[in-house]
């Protein structure tokens, strides 16, 4: 049986389109808040709020580079989330 609480956490973190877009962008390469804001056409403050949710869910990893913090995807978390979603949706092929 799949853990309902964990699955709810996954979908809650990805329930906002801006967060999904952030994940898509960060899968390509790491970016800082200002670069994400420019690509999403939102304020850096809005991006920071979304990144806080994604950090709390362990989806993104901050990497301090000089004055800037670049964010990258936590591949282990995405792999675990994929397994949870596959278990819920019955798409596992074993």
N, C-alpha and C. Protein backbone atom coordinates (compact mmCIF):
# COMPACT_ATOMS: atom_id res chain seq x y z
N UNK A 1 0.85 -1.18 0.00
CA UNK A 1 0.00 0.00 0.00
C UNK A 1 0.89 1.24 0.00
N UNK A 2 0.56 2.18 -0.84
CA UNK A 2 1.33 3.40 -0.99
C UNK A 2 0.99 4.35 0.15
N UNK A 3 2.00 5.04 0.70
CA UNK A 3 1.81 5.97 1.80
C UNK A 3 1.08 7.22 1.33
N UNK A 4 -0.18 7.38 1.71
CA UNK A 4 -1.03 8.49 1.27
C UNK A 4 -0.48 9.83 1.69
N UNK A 5 0.08 9.92 2.87
CA UNK A 5 0.62 11.20 3.37
C UNK A 5 1.78 11.67 2.51
N UNK A 6 2.67 10.75 2.13
CA UNK A 6 3.81 11.11 1.28
C UNK A 6 3.34 11.56 -0.10
N UNK A 7 2.39 10.84 -0.65
CA UNK A 7 1.88 11.20 -1.98
C UNK A 7 1.21 12.57 -1.95
N UNK A 8 0.44 12.85 -0.89
CA UNK A 8 -0.22 14.15 -0.77
C UNK A 8 0.82 15.26 -0.71
N UNK A 9 1.93 15.02 -0.03
CA UNK A 9 3.01 16.01 0.06
C UNK A 9 3.59 16.30 -1.32
N UNK A 10 3.78 15.25 -2.10
CA UNK A 10 4.32 15.39 -3.45
C UNK A 10 3.40 16.27 -4.29
N UNK A 11 2.14 15.91 -4.33
CA UNK A 11 1.21 16.65 -5.18
C UNK A 11 0.95 18.06 -4.67
N UNK A 12 1.02 18.26 -3.37
CA UNK A 12 0.86 19.60 -2.81
C UNK A 12 2.02 20.50 -3.26
N UNK A 13 3.23 19.98 -3.22
CA UNK A 13 4.39 20.77 -3.63
C UNK A 13 4.34 21.11 -5.11
N UNK A 14 3.75 20.24 -5.91
CA UNK A 14 3.67 20.47 -7.35
C UNK A 14 2.30 20.97 -7.81
N UNK A 15 1.51 21.48 -6.87
CA UNK A 15 0.14 21.89 -7.19
C UNK A 15 0.04 23.27 -7.82
N UNK A 16 1.15 23.97 -7.94
CA UNK A 16 1.17 25.31 -8.52
C UNK A 16 1.99 25.26 -9.81
N UNK A 17 1.42 25.80 -10.88
CA UNK A 17 2.10 25.69 -12.18
C UNK A 17 3.48 26.32 -12.18
N UNK A 18 3.69 27.39 -11.44
CA UNK A 18 5.02 28.02 -11.39
C UNK A 18 6.05 27.05 -10.81
N UNK A 19 5.66 26.25 -9.82
CA UNK A 19 6.60 25.28 -9.24
C UNK A 19 6.93 24.18 -10.23
N UNK A 20 5.94 23.75 -10.97
CA UNK A 20 6.19 22.74 -12.00
C UNK A 20 7.15 23.30 -13.05
N UNK A 21 6.93 24.54 -13.45
CA UNK A 21 7.82 25.18 -14.43
C UNK A 21 9.23 25.33 -13.87
N UNK A 22 9.36 25.65 -12.58
CA UNK A 22 10.68 25.75 -11.96
C UNK A 22 11.38 24.40 -12.02
N UNK A 23 10.68 23.34 -11.70
CA UNK A 23 11.27 22.00 -11.77
C UNK A 23 11.71 21.69 -13.19
N UNK A 24 10.88 22.01 -14.17
CA UNK A 24 11.24 21.76 -15.57
C UNK A 24 12.50 22.53 -15.95
N UNK A 25 12.59 23.79 -15.56
CA UNK A 25 13.78 24.59 -15.89
C UNK A 25 15.03 24.06 -15.20
N UNK A 26 14.88 23.68 -13.93
CA UNK A 26 16.05 23.21 -13.18
C UNK A 26 16.50 21.82 -13.61
N UNK A 27 15.63 21.06 -14.26
CA UNK A 27 16.06 19.77 -14.80
C UNK A 27 17.04 19.98 -15.94
N UNK A 28 16.96 21.13 -16.63
CA UNK A 28 17.88 21.43 -17.73
C UNK A 28 19.24 21.85 -17.19
N UNK A 29 19.26 22.78 -16.22
CA UNK A 29 20.51 23.21 -15.57
C UNK A 29 20.19 24.09 -14.37
N UNK A 30 21.17 24.25 -13.50
CA UNK A 30 20.95 25.04 -12.29
C UNK A 30 20.81 26.53 -12.64
N UNK A 31 19.99 27.22 -11.85
CA UNK A 31 19.72 28.65 -12.08
C UNK A 31 19.58 29.35 -10.74
N UNK A 32 19.83 30.67 -10.74
CA UNK A 32 19.62 31.48 -9.55
C UNK A 32 18.19 32.05 -9.58
N UNK A 33 17.79 32.69 -8.49
CA UNK A 33 16.45 33.25 -8.36
C UNK A 33 16.15 34.24 -9.48
N UNK A 34 17.08 35.15 -9.76
CA UNK A 34 16.84 36.17 -10.78
C UNK A 34 16.68 35.55 -12.17
N UNK A 35 17.46 34.54 -12.48
CA UNK A 35 17.34 33.88 -13.79
C UNK A 35 16.00 33.16 -13.90
N UNK A 36 15.59 32.52 -12.82
CA UNK A 36 14.27 31.85 -12.82
C UNK A 36 13.16 32.89 -12.97
N UNK A 37 13.27 33.99 -12.25
CA UNK A 37 12.25 35.05 -12.32
C UNK A 37 12.12 35.59 -13.75
N UNK A 38 13.24 35.79 -14.40
CA UNK A 38 13.21 36.31 -15.77
C UNK A 38 12.54 35.32 -16.72
N UNK A 39 12.87 34.04 -16.56
CA UNK A 39 12.29 33.03 -17.45
C UNK A 39 10.80 32.80 -17.19
N UNK A 40 10.40 32.95 -15.93
CA UNK A 40 8.99 32.74 -15.57
C UNK A 40 8.16 34.01 -15.68
N UNK A 41 8.85 35.14 -15.86
CA UNK A 41 8.20 36.45 -15.94
C UNK A 41 7.39 36.76 -14.69
N UNK A 42 8.01 36.49 -13.53
CA UNK A 42 7.45 36.83 -12.23
C UNK A 42 8.54 37.52 -11.41
N UNK A 43 8.18 38.02 -10.24
CA UNK A 43 9.16 38.72 -9.41
C UNK A 43 10.10 37.72 -8.73
N UNK A 44 11.31 38.17 -8.41
CA UNK A 44 12.21 37.30 -7.65
C UNK A 44 11.61 36.89 -6.30
N UNK A 45 10.82 37.76 -5.70
CA UNK A 45 10.18 37.42 -4.42
C UNK A 45 9.22 36.24 -4.59
N UNK A 46 8.48 36.23 -5.68
CA UNK A 46 7.55 35.12 -5.94
C UNK A 46 8.33 33.82 -6.15
N UNK A 47 9.42 33.90 -6.90
CA UNK A 47 10.25 32.71 -7.13
C UNK A 47 10.80 32.20 -5.80
N UNK A 48 11.26 33.11 -4.95
CA UNK A 48 11.80 32.71 -3.65
C UNK A 48 10.77 31.96 -2.82
N UNK A 49 9.53 32.41 -2.85
CA UNK A 49 8.47 31.72 -2.10
C UNK A 49 8.25 30.31 -2.65
N UNK A 50 8.24 30.18 -3.96
CA UNK A 50 8.07 28.85 -4.56
C UNK A 50 9.27 27.95 -4.25
N UNK A 51 10.46 28.52 -4.30
CA UNK A 51 11.66 27.74 -4.00
C UNK A 51 11.66 27.29 -2.54
N UNK A 52 11.11 28.10 -1.64
CA UNK A 52 11.03 27.70 -0.23
C UNK A 52 10.20 26.42 -0.10
N UNK A 53 9.06 26.38 -0.79
CA UNK A 53 8.21 25.19 -0.76
C UNK A 53 8.95 23.99 -1.34
N UNK A 54 9.63 24.20 -2.45
CA UNK A 54 10.37 23.11 -3.09
C UNK A 54 11.56 22.66 -2.25
N UNK A 55 12.21 23.60 -1.56
CA UNK A 55 13.31 23.23 -0.65
C UNK A 55 12.78 22.42 0.52
N UNK A 56 11.65 22.87 1.09
CA UNK A 56 11.05 22.15 2.22
C UNK A 56 10.66 20.73 1.83
N UNK A 57 10.28 20.55 0.57
CA UNK A 57 9.92 19.22 0.06
C UNK A 57 11.14 18.45 -0.43
N UNK A 58 12.32 19.04 -0.31
CA UNK A 58 13.59 18.42 -0.71
C UNK A 58 13.68 18.16 -2.21
N UNK A 59 13.01 19.00 -3.00
CA UNK A 59 13.04 18.85 -4.46
C UNK A 59 14.23 19.58 -5.05
N UNK A 60 14.59 20.72 -4.46
CA UNK A 60 15.72 21.50 -4.97
C UNK A 60 16.80 21.59 -3.90
N UNK A 61 18.02 21.74 -4.39
CA UNK A 61 19.19 21.86 -3.52
C UNK A 61 19.85 23.20 -3.80
N UNK A 62 20.03 24.04 -2.76
CA UNK A 62 20.72 25.31 -2.96
C UNK A 62 22.23 25.11 -3.02
N UNK A 63 22.89 25.91 -3.86
CA UNK A 63 24.34 25.86 -4.00
C UNK A 63 24.86 27.29 -4.05
N UNK A 64 25.47 27.74 -2.94
CA UNK A 64 25.96 29.12 -2.84
C UNK A 64 27.18 29.28 -3.73
N UNK A 65 27.11 30.27 -4.64
CA UNK A 65 28.23 30.58 -5.55
C UNK A 65 28.48 32.08 -5.47
N UNK A 66 29.43 32.46 -4.63
CA UNK A 66 29.71 33.88 -4.45
C UNK A 66 28.53 34.56 -3.79
N UNK A 67 28.02 35.61 -4.45
CA UNK A 67 26.87 36.34 -3.91
C UNK A 67 25.54 35.68 -4.25
N UNK A 68 25.54 34.72 -5.12
CA UNK A 68 24.30 34.12 -5.61
C UNK A 68 24.12 32.70 -5.11
N UNK A 69 22.87 32.29 -5.04
CA UNK A 69 22.53 30.91 -4.72
C UNK A 69 21.89 30.31 -5.97
N UNK A 70 22.51 29.28 -6.48
CA UNK A 70 21.96 28.57 -7.62
C UNK A 70 21.23 27.34 -7.09
N UNK A 71 20.16 26.99 -7.77
CA UNK A 71 19.35 25.85 -7.35
C UNK A 71 19.45 24.75 -8.40
N UNK A 72 19.48 23.53 -7.90
CA UNK A 72 19.49 22.37 -8.79
C UNK A 72 18.50 21.34 -8.27
N UNK A 73 18.11 20.44 -9.12
CA UNK A 73 17.15 19.40 -8.77
C UNK A 73 17.81 18.34 -7.90
N UNK A 74 17.08 17.86 -6.91
CA UNK A 74 17.52 16.73 -6.12
C UNK A 74 17.01 15.47 -6.82
N UNK A 75 17.87 14.83 -7.57
CA UNK A 75 17.50 13.68 -8.39
C UNK A 75 16.95 12.53 -7.55
N UNK A 76 17.49 12.34 -6.34
CA UNK A 76 17.02 11.25 -5.48
C UNK A 76 15.56 11.46 -5.09
N UNK A 77 15.21 12.70 -4.76
CA UNK A 77 13.83 13.00 -4.38
C UNK A 77 12.90 12.77 -5.56
N UNK A 78 13.28 13.25 -6.76
CA UNK A 78 12.42 13.05 -7.92
C UNK A 78 12.23 11.57 -8.23
N UNK A 79 13.28 10.79 -8.08
CA UNK A 79 13.17 9.34 -8.33
C UNK A 79 12.22 8.69 -7.33
N UNK A 80 12.32 9.10 -6.07
CA UNK A 80 11.43 8.55 -5.04
C UNK A 80 9.99 8.97 -5.31
N UNK A 81 9.79 10.22 -5.71
CA UNK A 81 8.44 10.71 -6.01
C UNK A 81 7.85 9.99 -7.21
N UNK A 82 8.69 9.72 -8.20
CA UNK A 82 8.20 9.00 -9.38
C UNK A 82 7.72 7.61 -8.98
N UNK A 83 8.47 6.97 -8.11
CA UNK A 83 8.08 5.64 -7.65
C UNK A 83 6.75 5.70 -6.89
N UNK A 84 6.58 6.72 -6.03
CA UNK A 84 5.32 6.88 -5.30
C UNK A 84 4.15 7.09 -6.25
N UNK A 85 4.34 8.00 -7.23
CA UNK A 85 3.27 8.29 -8.18
C UNK A 85 2.95 7.06 -9.03
N UNK A 86 3.97 6.34 -9.45
CA UNK A 86 3.75 5.12 -10.23
C UNK A 86 2.95 4.11 -9.41
N UNK A 87 3.27 4.00 -8.12
CA UNK A 87 2.54 3.08 -7.26
C UNK A 87 1.08 3.47 -7.12
N UNK A 88 0.82 4.75 -6.99
CA UNK A 88 -0.56 5.23 -6.85
C UNK A 88 -1.34 5.06 -8.13
N UNK A 89 -0.73 5.41 -9.25
CA UNK A 89 -1.43 5.41 -10.52
C UNK A 89 -1.41 4.06 -11.22
N UNK A 90 -0.68 3.11 -10.65
CA UNK A 90 -0.68 1.77 -11.21
C UNK A 90 0.08 1.65 -12.52
N UNK A 91 1.11 2.49 -12.71
CA UNK A 91 1.86 2.46 -13.96
C UNK A 91 3.18 1.72 -13.83
N UNK A 92 3.42 1.09 -12.69
CA UNK A 92 4.66 0.35 -12.52
C UNK A 92 4.66 -0.86 -13.46
N UNK A 93 5.80 -1.07 -14.06
CA UNK A 93 5.93 -2.22 -14.97
C UNK A 93 6.93 -3.20 -14.38
N UNK A 94 6.42 -4.16 -13.67
CA UNK A 94 7.29 -5.19 -13.06
C UNK A 94 6.81 -6.54 -13.44
